[in-house]
Amino acid sequence: MMSSKQGSLFRRRPATLLGCVLLSSMLFACKHNNNTMTKALWIANANNVIEYLPSQLAGGTSAAVPHRTITSAAIGEPQGVTFDAAGNLWVMDPGAKINGVATPALLKFSAAQLAALGTNAAPDPAATFTSTALAFPQQSVFDAKGNQWVSDHNNNTILVFSAAQLMATGVAATIPVVVISSAAFNGPLGLVFDAAGNLWVANNGGVPGPNMTTSAAGTSIVEFQVAHLPMVPASGMLTPTLAPDVTLSDNGAGSVQSPWALAVDAAGNLWSSNSGAPFSLVAFSKAMQMATGAPTPTITISPAMVGGIPSLDGTNGICFDTAGNAAATNSANAFGVSFYTKGQLMTGAPVPNTFIVGAATMQGALAGCNFGTLAN
């Protein structure tokens, strides 16, 4: 939700930096073997959803045109993209167009529809879920049983839709089977399950209040242990109020500033993107995740200047591919997609292995990202 705009000056960097070669005073080219990448990068973008192929993430800075763009008339203001186990794409859209009216909804595009985007780039969703419980859905994650957990920033809640509910087709008005509240929530946005099944939630802040007020910027990430999460029922609705088991707070040096997305890498590190300055990507080790505190992140990736454009700016999405490489999306100024190889994920300000930015990209205010099904 929250992003800041900040200008900065180009700083010349050494000619050999993390596998990058200096082509000119304003352009780097980097090479990366992407043979192990088997999934495409999907991004919620302004009023559509875009896809980049692994070959488009092989290195360098360019204004690459997306391989595919979903231009469905149902997409209004997409915030998150999530894949289920069957390869269907779910779009969290607080401004989805239902009969021409902006309506908070979850939009499902089937794996078959994704495969046919080359011939039909504007399919109607295979399913559209609306609910009186939805106000501003932004991110979601599936549990092992196929239930979808959705963050609703403006309602300050986490909603759960059961696997059975998600089998519906067409437009379905649906009541979630679980609505989680917590006094610790302040604009919940990013959410992720760790390997143990514990749920982590990023407090982004900026929740609308009375008289056009908003809550303060978020400065914490909270964890709810699996033993304290509700069992997802087949029907009805549970409304638990939970207290977090662990809270990771800002360390006073900008470690947690309006955190947007969350991700867990193969080593179990918890990653967060700061949509507020300093717009960094940070990682907290498994040891840091064990207790409440304000630790200094194990890894902090800061913006680099690439051709006068910051590589991280109003940072929103962060996602990992199967090889351990990471992508981050920018919501401010020139926008842009930064792709870092696994070897670049260390403290510093690395020039992204691949940086996609420029008018030809058709990028708008980029939001959430995920790696998933390759479209034909």
Protein backbone atom coordinates (compact mmCIF):
# COMPACT_ATOMS: atom_id res chain seq x y z
CA MET A 1 0.00 0.00 0.00
CA MET A 2 2.50 2.59 1.14
CA SER A 3 5.37 3.73 -1.04
CA SER A 4 7.69 6.71 -1.04
CA LYS A 5 9.44 8.54 -3.84
CA GLN A 6 13.06 9.46 -3.49
CA GLY A 7 15.49 10.72 -6.07
CA SER A 8 19.18 9.85 -6.09
CA LEU A 9 22.24 10.37 -8.27
CA PHE A 10 23.99 7.84 -10.49
CA ARG A 11 27.12 6.38 -8.91
CA ARG A 12 29.68 4.75 -11.18
CA ARG A 13 30.59 1.24 -10.07
CA PRO A 14 33.57 -0.98 -10.83
CA ALA A 15 33.68 -2.72 -14.20
CA THR A 16 33.46 -6.18 -12.64
CA LEU A 17 30.68 -6.41 -10.11
CA LEU A 18 28.97 -9.67 -9.23
CA GLY A 19 29.36 -11.04 -12.75
CA CYS A 20 28.36 -7.79 -14.45
CA VAL A 21 30.38 -6.13 -17.23
CA LEU A 22 30.44 -2.35 -17.69
CA LEU A 23 29.39 -1.66 -21.29
CA SER A 24 29.27 2.12 -20.94
CA SER A 25 29.00 4.75 -18.24
CA MET A 26 25.25 4.08 -18.06
CA LEU A 27 24.74 0.39 -18.85
CA PHE A 28 25.72 -2.92 -17.31
CA ALA A 29 25.29 -6.36 -18.82
CA CYS A 30 25.29 -9.47 -16.65
CA LYS A 31 25.27 -13.12 -17.60
CA HIS A 32 23.45 -15.84 -15.73
CA ASN A 33 22.88 -19.47 -16.57
CA ASN A 34 19.12 -19.88 -16.23
CA ASN A 35 18.98 -23.50 -17.39
CA THR A 36 17.66 -24.55 -13.97
CA MET A 37 14.75 -22.10 -14.13
CA THR A 38 11.54 -23.89 -15.04
CA LYS A 39 8.91 -21.31 -14.13
CA ALA A 40 7.88 -17.92 -15.46
CA LEU A 41 7.76 -14.71 -13.44
CA TRP A 42 4.20 -13.36 -13.04
CA ILE A 43 3.51 -9.85 -11.73
CA ALA A 44 0.41 -7.91 -10.75
CA ASN A 45 0.79 -4.73 -12.81
CA ALA A 46 -1.42 -1.62 -12.71
CA ASN A 47 -4.55 -2.97 -14.47
CA ASN A 48 -3.26 -6.27 -15.85
CA VAL A 49 -0.99 -9.22 -15.08
CA ILE A 50 2.30 -9.71 -16.94
CA GLU A 51 4.58 -12.71 -17.47
CA TYR A 52 8.32 -12.89 -18.16
CA LEU A 53 10.02 -16.07 -19.41
CA PRO A 54 13.23 -17.47 -17.86
CA SER A 55 15.07 -16.46 -21.04
CA GLN A 56 14.07 -12.83 -20.39
CA LEU A 57 15.76 -13.00 -16.98
CA ALA A 58 19.11 -14.22 -18.31
CA GLY A 59 20.96 -10.94 -17.68
CA GLY A 60 21.33 -7.30 -18.58
CA THR A 61 19.27 -4.13 -18.41
CA SER A 62 16.48 -3.69 -20.94
CA ALA A 63 12.92 -2.55 -21.56
CA ALA A 64 11.81 -6.10 -22.30
CA VAL A 65 8.19 -6.45 -23.39
CA PRO A 66 6.38 -9.09 -21.30
CA HIS A 67 6.00 -12.48 -22.97
CA ARG A 68 2.30 -12.53 -22.10
CA THR A 69 -0.15 -10.02 -20.62
CA ILE A 70 -3.54 -10.90 -19.17
CA THR A 71 -5.82 -8.04 -20.18
CA SER A 72 -9.10 -9.49 -18.93
CA ALA A 73 -11.82 -6.88 -18.50
CA ALA A 74 -12.35 -8.28 -14.99
CA ILE A 75 -8.94 -7.08 -13.79
CA GLY A 76 -9.08 -3.65 -12.19
CA GLU A 77 -6.38 -3.06 -9.60
CA PRO A 78 -4.41 -6.31 -9.13
CA GLN A 79 -2.27 -6.57 -6.03
CA GLY A 80 -1.21 -10.19 -5.71
CA VAL A 81 -0.70 -13.28 -7.89
CA THR A 82 -0.65 -16.80 -6.43
CA PHE A 83 -0.56 -20.26 -8.00
CA ASP A 84 -2.41 -23.26 -6.61
CA ALA A 85 -1.18 -26.86 -6.84
CA ALA A 86 -2.98 -27.35 -10.16
CA GLY A 87 -1.21 -24.41 -11.81
CA ASN A 88 -4.20 -22.08 -11.75
CA LEU A 89 -3.40 -18.40 -11.25
CA TRP A 90 -5.25 -16.45 -8.55
CA VAL A 91 -5.29 -12.64 -8.65
CA MET A 92 -6.06 -10.61 -5.53
CA ASP A 93 -7.91 -7.58 -6.86
CA PRO A 94 -9.56 -4.94 -4.63
CA GLY A 95 -10.89 -3.18 -7.73
CA ALA A 96 -12.03 -6.10 -9.88
CA LYS A 97 -14.68 -5.22 -12.45
CA ILE A 98 -17.88 -7.17 -11.78
CA ASN A 99 -20.56 -6.09 -14.25
CA GLY A 100 -18.53 -2.93 -14.72
CA VAL A 101 -18.46 -2.08 -11.01
CA ALA A 102 -15.22 -2.04 -8.99
CA THR A 103 -15.59 -4.86 -6.46
CA PRO A 104 -13.03 -6.53 -4.17
CA ALA A 105 -12.58 -10.07 -5.46
CA LEU A 106 -10.36 -13.08 -5.98
CA LEU A 107 -10.01 -13.91 -9.70
CA LYS A 108 -9.05 -17.40 -10.88
CA PHE A 109 -7.48 -18.01 -14.29
CA SER A 110 -7.15 -21.71 -15.08
CA ALA A 111 -3.96 -23.38 -16.25
CA ALA A 112 -5.71 -23.98 -19.58
CA GLN A 113 -6.48 -20.28 -19.93
CA LEU A 114 -2.84 -19.42 -19.23
CA ALA A 115 -1.74 -21.88 -21.89
CA ALA A 116 -4.05 -20.18 -24.40
CA LEU A 117 -3.00 -16.58 -23.72
CA GLY A 118 -1.23 -16.45 -27.06
CA THR A 119 -4.62 -16.63 -28.77
CA ASN A 120 -6.85 -15.12 -26.07
CA ALA A 121 -5.14 -12.54 -23.88
CA ALA A 122 -8.39 -11.31 -22.31
CA PRO A 123 -10.21 -14.35 -20.93
CA ASP A 124 -13.04 -14.08 -18.46
CA PRO A 125 -11.91 -15.56 -15.14
CA ALA A 126 -12.74 -19.24 -14.67
CA ALA A 127 -14.03 -18.18 -11.25
CA THR A 128 -14.64 -14.89 -9.46
CA PHE A 129 -15.06 -14.86 -5.69
CA THR A 130 -16.67 -11.85 -4.06
CA SER A 131 -17.47 -11.52 -0.35
CA THR A 132 -18.83 -9.02 2.12
CA ALA A 133 -15.71 -9.89 4.15
CA LEU A 134 -13.41 -8.49 1.44
CA ALA A 135 -12.35 -4.85 1.39
CA PHE A 136 -8.80 -4.70 0.00
CA PRO A 137 -7.33 -8.17 -0.65
CA GLN A 138 -3.65 -7.98 -1.50
CA GLN A 139 -1.72 -11.22 -1.03
CA SER A 140 -2.53 -14.89 -0.53
CA VAL A 141 -0.91 -18.23 0.19
CA PHE A 142 -2.17 -21.81 -0.01
CA ASP A 143 -1.75 -24.30 2.81
CA ALA A 144 -0.97 -27.99 2.29
CA LYS A 145 -4.68 -28.85 2.10
CA GLY A 146 -5.46 -26.36 -0.66
CA ASN A 147 -7.12 -23.71 1.52
CA GLN A 148 -6.33 -20.14 0.48
CA TRP A 149 -5.30 -17.62 3.16
CA VAL A 150 -5.82 -14.02 2.05
CA SER A 151 -4.61 -10.79 3.62
CA ASP A 152 -7.18 -7.99 3.66
CA HIS A 153 -5.25 -4.82 4.38
CA ASN A 154 -8.13 -2.40 4.91
CA ASN A 155 -10.22 -4.80 7.00
CA ASN A 156 -7.18 -5.62 9.16
CA THR A 157 -7.90 -9.34 8.85
CA ILE A 158 -6.69 -12.62 7.38
CA LEU A 159 -9.42 -14.57 5.56
CA VAL A 160 -9.42 -18.28 4.75
CA PHE A 161 -11.38 -19.81 1.87
CA SER A 162 -11.60 -23.60 1.97
CA ALA A 163 -10.40 -25.86 -0.83
CA ALA A 164 -14.00 -26.96 -1.33
CA GLN A 165 -15.20 -23.38 -1.75
CA LEU A 166 -12.48 -22.72 -4.32
CA MET A 167 -13.90 -25.40 -6.63
CA ALA A 168 -16.78 -23.11 -7.64
CA THR A 169 -16.92 -21.60 -11.12
CA GLY A 170 -18.45 -18.41 -12.47
CA VAL A 171 -19.15 -15.51 -10.10
CA ALA A 172 -19.62 -16.76 -6.54
CA ALA A 173 -20.53 -14.67 -3.51
CA THR A 174 -18.62 -16.52 -0.79
CA ILE A 175 -18.27 -16.21 2.97
CA PRO A 176 -14.81 -17.23 4.21
CA VAL A 177 -14.73 -20.14 6.63
CA VAL A 178 -12.19 -18.33 8.85
CA VAL A 179 -11.69 -14.64 9.61
CA ILE A 180 -8.65 -13.97 11.80
CA SER A 181 -8.30 -10.75 13.78
CA SER A 182 -5.43 -9.65 16.00
CA ALA A 183 -4.66 -6.60 18.09
CA ALA A 184 -1.18 -6.88 16.57
CA PHE A 185 -2.42 -6.29 13.01
CA ASN A 186 -1.69 -2.96 11.33
CA GLY A 187 -2.60 -3.37 7.70
CA PRO A 188 -1.66 -7.03 7.20
CA LEU A 189 -0.25 -7.50 3.72
CA GLY A 190 2.48 -10.04 2.99
CA LEU A 191 1.94 -13.52 4.38
CA VAL A 192 3.79 -16.81 4.12
CA PHE A 193 3.95 -20.22 5.77
CA ASP A 194 7.38 -21.42 6.88
CA ALA A 195 8.47 -25.07 6.63
CA ALA A 196 6.96 -25.83 10.03
CA GLY A 197 3.55 -24.45 9.04
CA ASN A 198 3.82 -21.27 11.10
CA LEU A 199 2.13 -18.23 9.51
CA TRP A 200 4.09 -14.97 9.15
CA VAL A 201 2.28 -11.69 8.42
CA ALA A 202 3.78 -8.31 7.45
CA ASN A 203 2.20 -5.22 9.01
CA ASN A 204 2.29 -2.66 6.22
CA GLY A 205 0.37 0.08 8.09
CA GLY A 206 -1.74 2.81 6.54
CA VAL A 207 -5.11 1.30 7.43
CA PRO A 208 -7.96 3.74 6.60
CA GLY A 209 -9.73 5.12 9.64
CA PRO A 210 -12.39 7.71 10.44
CA ASN A 211 -12.22 11.24 9.03
CA MET A 212 -9.78 10.21 6.29
CA THR A 213 -7.11 9.22 8.80
CA THR A 214 -4.78 6.26 8.41
CA SER A 215 -2.77 4.23 10.87
CA ALA A 216 0.97 4.72 11.19
CA ALA A 217 3.41 3.04 8.84
CA GLY A 218 3.98 -0.58 9.78
CA THR A 219 7.21 -1.56 11.49
CA SER A 220 6.69 -5.21 12.40
CA ILE A 221 6.30 -8.76 11.13
CA VAL A 222 4.34 -11.18 13.30
CA GLU A 223 4.25 -14.97 13.55
CA PHE A 224 1.42 -17.28 14.57
CA GLN A 225 2.60 -20.77 15.39
CA VAL A 226 0.89 -23.64 13.62
CA ALA A 227 -0.42 -25.02 16.93
CA HIS A 228 -2.32 -21.77 17.52
CA LEU A 229 -3.85 -21.45 14.04
CA PRO A 230 -7.49 -22.53 13.68
CA MET A 231 -8.36 -25.77 11.95
CA VAL A 232 -10.04 -24.81 8.69
CA PRO A 233 -13.65 -26.07 8.79
CA ALA A 234 -15.59 -27.42 5.83
CA SER A 235 -18.43 -24.95 6.43
CA GLY A 236 -19.57 -22.21 8.79
CA MET A 237 -17.26 -19.40 9.87
CA LEU A 238 -14.71 -19.18 12.68
CA THR A 239 -13.69 -15.72 13.92
CA PRO A 240 -10.67 -16.20 16.18
CA THR A 241 -8.72 -13.32 17.67
CA LEU A 242 -5.09 -14.36 17.88
CA ALA A 243 -2.02 -13.05 19.65
CA PRO A 244 1.30 -13.44 17.83
CA ASP A 245 3.91 -15.83 19.18
CA VAL A 246 6.84 -13.85 17.77
CA THR A 247 7.14 -10.22 16.67
CA LEU A 248 10.09 -8.95 14.63
CA SER A 249 10.27 -5.16 14.85
CA ASP A 250 12.29 -2.43 13.15
CA ASN A 251 15.82 -2.21 14.55
CA GLY A 252 15.98 1.57 14.38
CA ALA A 253 18.01 1.45 11.17
CA GLY A 254 15.19 0.82 8.70
CA SER A 255 15.04 -2.97 8.84
CA VAL A 256 11.22 -3.10 8.81
CA GLN A 257 9.59 -0.12 7.11
CA SER A 258 6.08 -0.59 5.68
CA PRO A 259 6.89 -4.23 4.87
CA TRP A 260 5.00 -5.41 1.80
CA ALA A 261 5.67 -9.01 0.71
CA LEU A 262 7.12 -11.98 2.58
CA ALA A 263 8.92 -15.07 1.29
CA VAL A 264 10.88 -17.96 2.77
CA ASP A 265 13.93 -19.27 0.91
CA ALA A 266 15.21 -22.84 0.79
CA ALA A 267 17.46 -22.24 3.80
CA GLY A 268 14.51 -21.09 5.90
CA ASN A 269 15.42 -17.38 5.91
CA LEU A 270 12.39 -15.07 6.14
CA TRP A 271 12.55 -12.31 3.51
CA SER A 272 10.63 -9.05 3.52
CA SER A 273 10.42 -6.15 1.07
CA ASN A 274 10.36 -2.63 2.50
CA SER A 275 7.92 -0.46 0.56
CA GLY A 276 9.01 2.47 2.73
CA ALA A 277 12.50 3.98 2.74
CA PRO A 278 15.16 2.59 2.55
CA PHE A 279 13.28 0.31 0.08
CA SER A 280 15.54 -2.62 0.93
CA LEU A 281 15.10 -6.38 0.83
CA VAL A 282 15.92 -7.99 4.16
CA ALA A 283 16.29 -11.56 5.41
CA PHE A 284 15.97 -12.86 8.96
CA SER A 285 17.67 -16.15 9.80
CA LYS A 286 15.88 -19.11 11.33
CA ALA A 287 17.54 -18.30 14.67
CA MET A 288 16.18 -14.74 14.56
CA GLN A 289 12.69 -16.11 13.95
CA MET A 290 12.66 -17.95 17.25
CA ALA A 291 12.09 -14.99 19.57
CA THR A 292 10.50 -11.55 19.70
CA GLY A 293 12.98 -8.75 19.13
CA ALA A 294 14.39 -6.15 16.75
CA PRO A 295 17.31 -8.02 15.18
CA THR A 296 19.58 -6.66 12.50
CA PRO A 297 18.78 -8.72 9.39
CA THR A 298 21.17 -11.45 8.32
CA ILE A 299 21.06 -9.96 4.80
CA THR A 300 20.16 -6.46 3.64
CA ILE A 301 20.03 -5.73 -0.09
CA SER A 302 19.97 -2.00 -0.75
CA PRO A 303 19.12 -0.11 -3.96
CA ALA A 304 21.80 0.27 -6.62
CA MET A 305 21.72 2.93 -9.33
CA VAL A 306 21.45 1.48 -12.84
CA GLY A 307 21.49 4.07 -15.59
CA GLY A 308 20.29 6.68 -13.12
CA ILE A 309 17.37 4.51 -11.95
CA PRO A 310 17.26 2.88 -8.50
CA SER A 311 16.99 -0.90 -8.64
CA LEU A 312 14.67 -0.85 -5.61
CA ASP A 313 12.11 1.94 -5.25
CA GLY A 314 8.84 1.66 -3.36
CA THR A 315 9.64 -2.05 -3.25
CA ASN A 316 6.57 -4.27 -3.26
CA GLY A 317 6.82 -7.88 -4.40
CA ILE A 318 9.54 -10.37 -3.61
CA CYS A 319 9.47 -13.97 -4.85
CA PHE A 320 11.88 -16.88 -5.36
CA ASP A 321 12.22 -19.32 -8.23
CA THR A 322 13.08 -23.01 -7.85
CA ALA A 323 16.81 -22.28 -8.25
CA GLY A 324 16.90 -19.85 -5.31
CA ASN A 325 17.05 -16.67 -7.41
CA ALA A 326 14.88 -13.74 -6.33
CA ALA A 327 12.77 -11.14 -8.13
CA ALA A 328 11.60 -7.84 -6.65
CA THR A 329 9.08 -5.35 -8.06
CA ASN A 330 8.97 -1.58 -7.73
CA SER A 331 5.89 0.59 -7.32
CA ALA A 332 7.43 4.07 -7.52
CA ASN A 333 8.89 6.43 -10.10
CA ALA A 334 10.31 4.42 -13.07
CA PHE A 335 9.00 1.15 -11.60
CA GLY A 336 11.13 -1.81 -12.76
CA VAL A 337 11.73 -5.50 -12.03
CA SER A 338 14.98 -6.52 -10.36
CA PHE A 339 16.15 -10.12 -10.68
CA TYR A 340 19.00 -11.32 -8.45
CA THR A 341 20.80 -14.62 -8.82
CA LYS A 342 21.16 -16.75 -5.71
CA GLY A 343 24.84 -15.80 -5.48
CA GLN A 344 23.95 -12.09 -5.34
CA LEU A 345 21.78 -12.46 -2.26
CA MET A 346 24.18 -11.04 0.27
CA THR A 347 24.40 -7.75 2.12
CA GLY A 348 25.24 -4.85 -0.15
CA ALA A 349 23.86 -2.94 -3.12
CA PRO A 350 24.32 -5.36 -6.01
CA VAL A 351 23.39 -4.40 -9.54
CA PRO A 352 20.58 -6.85 -10.37
CA ASN A 353 21.61 -9.62 -12.74
CA THR A 354 18.59 -8.57 -14.80
CA PHE A 355 16.86 -5.20 -14.56
CA ILE A 356 13.73 -4.71 -16.67
CA VAL A 357 12.62 -1.08 -16.85
CA GLY A 358 11.38 1.41 -19.42
CA ALA A 359 8.29 2.50 -21.31
CA ALA A 360 8.19 -0.52 -23.61
CA THR A 361 7.71 -2.83 -20.63
CA MET A 362 4.18 -1.48 -20.12
CA GLN A 363 4.88 -1.47 -16.39
CA GLY A 364 2.70 0.54 -14.05
CA ALA A 365 2.65 0.45 -10.27
CA LEU A 366 4.02 -3.08 -9.91
CA ALA A 367 2.68 -5.05 -6.96
CA GLY A 368 3.02 -8.73 -5.99
CA CYS A 369 4.93 -11.39 -7.89
CA ASN A 370 5.23 -15.16 -8.06
CA PHE A 371 6.95 -17.78 -10.17
CA GLY A 372 4.61 -20.26 -11.82
CA THR A 373 3.19 -21.81 -14.96
CA LEU A 374 4.94 -21.07 -18.24
CA ALA A 375 2.44 -19.69 -20.75
CA ASN A 376 2.71 -20.78 -24.39
